[in-house]
Amino acid sequence: MEMILSGITEAIQLLVSGDALVFDAAWRSIWVSTTAVLIATILGISIGTLLARRRFLGRGLLVTLFRGLMGVPTVLIGLIGYALLARQGPLGTLELLYTPWGIVLGEVILAVPIITSLTHGGIKNLDRRIPETARMLGAGPVQRWKTYLSEARLPIILAILTAFARCFTELGIAMMVGGNLKFKTRTLSTSTTLETARGEFSRAVAMSLILLAIAICITVVIALVSREDES
């Protein structure tokens, strides 16, 4: 117990003093996850809308596939990302392995199924009168798409927040694709693991506190959005 209390005290001191390792990892975690989720949002909303509003051969299989991919372990995605980005891999010429952009690519793969599946569910469950009314009013495909997004905005917001939370706290992708390089690819999750293994308990706690703070913020936002949806 004494070690934990001492670790928390020292961790707060590191945060107040602006420890370079802690804030470098925090900043990288934020921008990598934000960039990945922005890209995944564009892809996921587009695919989710298509699956919800268009009928074509294999649609059910694709929906099931995306739902299944929501639970894929991040270490498996990291392994796939490593195989793709390694020098002998199909994307090796891009030289993204052990770079922040390599982590972004891996987290996009992680986030797209989440946003796609939840967007699909939100738009599919819309009142049938909404698309019918839009067509009767002569709305074109783009206008109808905007209408769907507007009516399903709360499920879509929840999808984006859920994807960000998963990306921000993941470990497998950042470790295997990023390589945990100091001041280059270290994130809060990989740094926490490393500092704990090295016996730097206070620095690991400091990083964990930032992870906890972000997780709490996301949980609060999700709760507020959900409450709005119920009202």
Protein backbone atom coordinates (compact mmCIF):
# COMPACT_ATOMS: atom_id res chain seq x y z
CA MET A 1 0.00 0.00 0.00
CA GLU A 2 2.85 2.34 0.85
CA MET A 3 4.39 1.75 -2.59
CA ILE A 4 1.12 2.66 -4.29
CA LEU A 5 0.65 5.87 -2.28
CA SER A 6 4.28 6.84 -2.84
CA GLY A 7 3.94 6.10 -6.55
CA ILE A 8 0.84 8.28 -6.85
CA THR A 9 2.53 11.15 -4.98
CA GLU A 10 5.61 10.99 -7.20
CA ALA A 11 3.42 10.62 -10.28
CA ILE A 12 1.58 13.84 -9.47
CA GLN A 13 4.93 15.58 -9.03
CA LEU A 14 6.02 14.36 -12.48
CA LEU A 15 2.80 15.66 -14.04
CA VAL A 16 3.13 19.04 -12.33
CA SER A 17 6.78 19.37 -13.34
CA GLY A 18 5.94 18.49 -16.96
CA ASP A 19 8.06 15.33 -17.27
CA ALA A 20 9.24 15.09 -20.88
CA LEU A 21 8.72 11.33 -21.26
CA VAL A 22 5.21 11.43 -19.83
CA PHE A 23 3.94 14.34 -21.90
CA ASP A 24 5.66 13.19 -25.09
CA ALA A 25 3.84 9.85 -24.83
CA ALA A 26 0.58 11.60 -23.92
CA TRP A 27 0.72 13.98 -26.87
CA ARG A 28 1.57 11.17 -29.29
CA SER A 29 -1.28 9.00 -27.98
CA ILE A 30 -3.74 11.85 -28.48
CA TRP A 31 -2.74 12.80 -32.03
CA VAL A 32 -2.27 9.23 -33.24
CA SER A 33 -5.67 8.14 -31.92
CA THR A 34 -7.39 11.31 -33.12
CA THR A 35 -5.92 10.97 -36.62
CA ALA A 36 -6.83 7.29 -36.83
CA VAL A 37 -10.40 7.89 -35.66
CA LEU A 38 -10.88 10.79 -38.09
CA ILE A 39 -9.87 8.55 -41.00
CA ALA A 40 -11.92 5.65 -39.64
CA THR A 41 -14.94 7.95 -39.21
CA ILE A 42 -14.95 8.86 -42.90
CA LEU A 43 -14.60 5.22 -43.93
CA GLY A 44 -16.86 3.75 -41.26
CA ILE A 45 -19.78 6.15 -41.74
CA SER A 46 -19.65 5.70 -45.50
CA ILE A 47 -19.56 1.91 -45.31
CA GLY A 48 -22.13 1.76 -42.49
CA THR A 49 -24.57 3.93 -44.43
CA LEU A 50 -24.10 1.83 -47.56
CA LEU A 51 -24.76 -1.38 -45.65
CA ALA A 52 -27.86 0.09 -44.00
CA ARG A 53 -29.50 1.67 -47.07
CA ARG A 54 -28.45 -0.50 -50.03
CA ARG A 55 -29.33 -4.10 -50.83
CA PHE A 56 -26.74 -6.18 -52.66
CA LEU A 57 -25.39 -9.70 -52.75
CA GLY A 58 -23.25 -10.47 -49.70
CA ARG A 59 -24.47 -7.55 -47.60
CA GLY A 60 -25.45 -9.76 -44.67
CA LEU A 61 -22.05 -11.43 -44.74
CA LEU A 62 -20.30 -8.05 -44.67
CA VAL A 63 -22.41 -6.87 -41.74
CA THR A 64 -21.57 -10.03 -39.82
CA LEU A 65 -17.89 -9.67 -40.71
CA PHE A 66 -17.67 -6.09 -39.44
CA ARG A 67 -19.48 -7.02 -36.23
CA GLY A 68 -17.08 -9.89 -35.68
CA LEU A 69 -14.06 -7.66 -36.29
CA MET A 70 -15.15 -5.40 -33.43
CA GLY A 71 -13.81 -7.98 -30.99
CA VAL A 72 -10.51 -8.81 -32.69
CA PRO A 73 -7.58 -8.60 -30.21
CA THR A 74 -5.30 -5.65 -30.88
CA VAL A 75 -2.26 -7.91 -30.75
CA LEU A 76 -3.63 -9.76 -33.79
CA ILE A 77 -4.12 -6.47 -35.64
CA GLY A 78 -0.58 -5.55 -34.63
CA LEU A 79 0.70 -8.82 -36.07
CA ILE A 80 -1.17 -8.23 -39.34
CA GLY A 81 0.09 -4.64 -39.45
CA TYR A 82 3.66 -5.83 -38.91
CA ALA A 83 3.33 -8.36 -41.72
CA LEU A 84 1.95 -5.68 -44.07
CA LEU A 85 4.52 -3.00 -43.23
CA ALA A 86 7.64 -5.13 -42.82
CA ARG A 87 10.29 -4.66 -45.50
CA GLN A 88 9.29 -7.91 -47.22
CA GLY A 89 5.56 -7.16 -46.84
CA PRO A 90 3.21 -5.73 -49.50
CA LEU A 91 3.41 -2.22 -47.98
CA GLY A 92 7.06 -2.38 -47.02
CA THR A 93 8.07 0.23 -49.59
CA LEU A 94 6.08 2.86 -47.65
CA GLU A 95 8.53 2.47 -44.74
CA LEU A 96 5.82 2.98 -42.13
CA LEU A 97 6.96 0.26 -39.73
CA TYR A 98 8.13 1.69 -36.40
CA THR A 99 6.67 5.10 -37.21
CA PRO A 100 3.66 6.95 -35.74
CA TRP A 101 1.88 6.66 -39.10
CA GLY A 102 2.25 2.91 -38.93
CA ILE A 103 0.39 2.99 -35.61
CA VAL A 104 -2.26 5.21 -37.20
CA LEU A 105 -2.79 2.62 -39.94
CA GLY A 106 -3.18 -0.15 -37.38
CA GLU A 107 -5.64 1.86 -35.30
CA VAL A 108 -7.68 2.68 -38.42
CA ILE A 109 -8.05 -1.07 -38.94
CA LEU A 110 -9.17 -1.32 -35.31
CA ALA A 111 -11.64 1.59 -35.45
CA VAL A 112 -13.34 1.06 -38.81
CA PRO A 113 -15.35 -2.05 -37.81
CA ILE A 114 -16.56 -0.31 -34.64
CA ILE A 115 -17.79 2.81 -36.42
CA THR A 116 -19.15 0.84 -39.38
CA SER A 117 -21.16 -1.58 -37.24
CA LEU A 118 -22.61 1.04 -34.88
CA THR A 119 -23.39 3.43 -37.75
CA HIS A 120 -25.11 0.61 -39.63
CA GLY A 121 -27.22 -0.20 -36.58
CA GLY A 122 -28.13 3.44 -35.97
CA ILE A 123 -29.22 4.15 -39.54
CA LYS A 124 -30.95 0.79 -40.02
CA ASN A 125 -33.11 1.40 -36.95
CA LEU A 126 -34.34 4.79 -38.15
CA ASP A 127 -38.07 5.27 -38.59
CA ARG A 128 -39.00 4.03 -42.07
CA ARG A 129 -40.94 7.23 -42.67
CA ILE A 130 -37.70 9.27 -42.69
CA PRO A 131 -36.24 7.91 -45.98
CA GLU A 132 -39.71 7.72 -47.51
CA THR A 133 -40.39 11.37 -46.67
CA ALA A 134 -36.99 12.40 -48.03
CA ARG A 135 -37.73 10.69 -51.35
CA MET A 136 -41.20 12.22 -51.56
CA LEU A 137 -39.69 15.66 -51.09
CA GLY A 138 -37.33 15.01 -53.97
CA ALA A 139 -34.13 14.82 -51.95
CA GLY A 140 -31.14 13.53 -53.91
CA PRO A 141 -28.74 10.82 -52.72
CA VAL A 142 -26.42 13.30 -50.97
CA GLN A 143 -29.26 15.10 -49.24
CA ARG A 144 -30.79 11.80 -48.11
CA TRP A 145 -27.39 10.72 -46.77
CA LYS A 146 -27.15 13.96 -44.77
CA THR A 147 -30.65 13.32 -43.44
CA TYR A 148 -29.70 9.82 -42.28
CA LEU A 149 -26.61 11.13 -40.52
CA SER A 150 -28.57 13.90 -38.86
CA GLU A 151 -31.27 11.56 -37.58
CA ALA A 152 -28.74 8.95 -36.41
CA ARG A 153 -26.23 11.47 -35.03
CA LEU A 154 -26.36 10.18 -31.45
CA PRO A 155 -25.50 6.54 -32.30
CA ILE A 156 -22.79 7.81 -34.64
CA ILE A 157 -21.30 10.05 -31.93
CA LEU A 158 -21.27 7.08 -29.56
CA ALA A 159 -19.56 5.00 -32.24
CA ILE A 160 -16.82 7.59 -32.70
CA LEU A 161 -16.25 7.98 -28.95
CA THR A 162 -16.15 4.21 -28.48
CA ALA A 163 -13.61 3.87 -31.29
CA PHE A 164 -11.45 6.64 -29.80
CA ALA A 165 -11.50 5.02 -26.37
CA ARG A 166 -10.44 1.68 -27.86
CA CYS A 167 -7.64 3.25 -29.92
CA PHE A 168 -6.36 5.48 -27.12
CA THR A 169 -5.93 2.63 -24.65
CA GLU A 170 -4.81 -0.16 -27.00
CA LEU A 171 -1.39 -1.75 -26.53
CA GLY A 172 -0.81 -4.49 -29.11
CA ILE A 173 -0.77 -2.32 -32.24
CA ALA A 174 1.41 0.42 -30.77
CA MET A 175 3.90 -2.11 -29.42
CA MET A 176 4.21 -4.36 -32.49
CA VAL A 177 3.89 -1.77 -35.27
CA GLY A 178 5.38 1.22 -33.44
CA GLY A 179 8.22 -0.58 -31.70
CA ASN A 180 7.99 1.62 -28.57
CA LEU A 181 10.86 3.90 -29.66
CA LYS A 182 11.77 6.71 -27.25
CA PHE A 183 10.50 10.15 -28.35
CA LYS A 184 9.33 8.61 -31.63
CA THR A 185 6.62 5.98 -31.28
CA ARG A 186 6.00 5.55 -27.56
CA THR A 187 2.39 5.96 -26.46
CA LEU A 188 0.94 6.06 -22.98
CA SER A 189 0.05 2.37 -23.01
CA THR A 190 3.42 1.14 -24.29
CA SER A 191 5.34 3.54 -22.03
CA THR A 192 3.36 2.40 -19.00
CA THR A 193 4.29 -1.20 -19.73
CA LEU A 194 7.96 -0.33 -20.25
CA GLU A 195 8.32 1.89 -17.19
CA THR A 196 6.67 -0.74 -14.98
CA ALA A 197 9.08 -3.40 -16.27
CA ARG A 198 12.02 -1.05 -15.60
CA GLY A 199 10.87 -0.39 -12.05
CA GLU A 200 9.96 3.26 -12.76
CA PHE A 201 6.68 2.84 -10.94
CA SER A 202 5.95 6.54 -10.40
CA ARG A 203 6.31 7.40 -14.10
CA ALA A 204 4.10 4.42 -15.00
CA VAL A 205 1.47 5.67 -12.55
CA ALA A 206 1.67 9.18 -14.02
CA MET A 207 0.93 7.81 -17.48
CA SER A 208 -1.83 5.62 -16.11
CA LEU A 209 -3.43 8.67 -14.48
CA ILE A 210 -3.58 10.40 -17.87
CA LEU A 211 -5.11 7.29 -19.42
CA LEU A 212 -7.63 7.17 -16.59
CA ALA A 213 -8.49 10.86 -16.97
CA ILE A 214 -9.13 10.49 -20.71
CA ALA A 215 -11.18 7.33 -20.14
CA ILE A 216 -13.32 9.11 -17.54
CA CYS A 217 -13.88 12.08 -19.87
CA ILE A 218 -15.02 9.76 -22.67
CA THR A 219 -17.31 7.88 -20.28
CA VAL A 220 -18.88 11.13 -19.10
CA VAL A 221 -19.44 12.32 -22.68
CA ILE A 222 -21.01 8.96 -23.61
CA ALA A 223 -23.29 9.17 -20.57
CA LEU A 224 -24.35 12.71 -21.49
CA VAL A 225 -25.01 11.74 -25.11
CA SER A 226 -26.98 8.68 -24.01
CA ARG A 227 -29.06 10.77 -21.63
CA GLU A 228 -29.82 13.19 -24.47
CA ASP A 229 -30.91 10.23 -26.59
CA GLU A 230 -33.34 9.08 -23.88
CA SER A 231 -34.85 12.53 -23.30
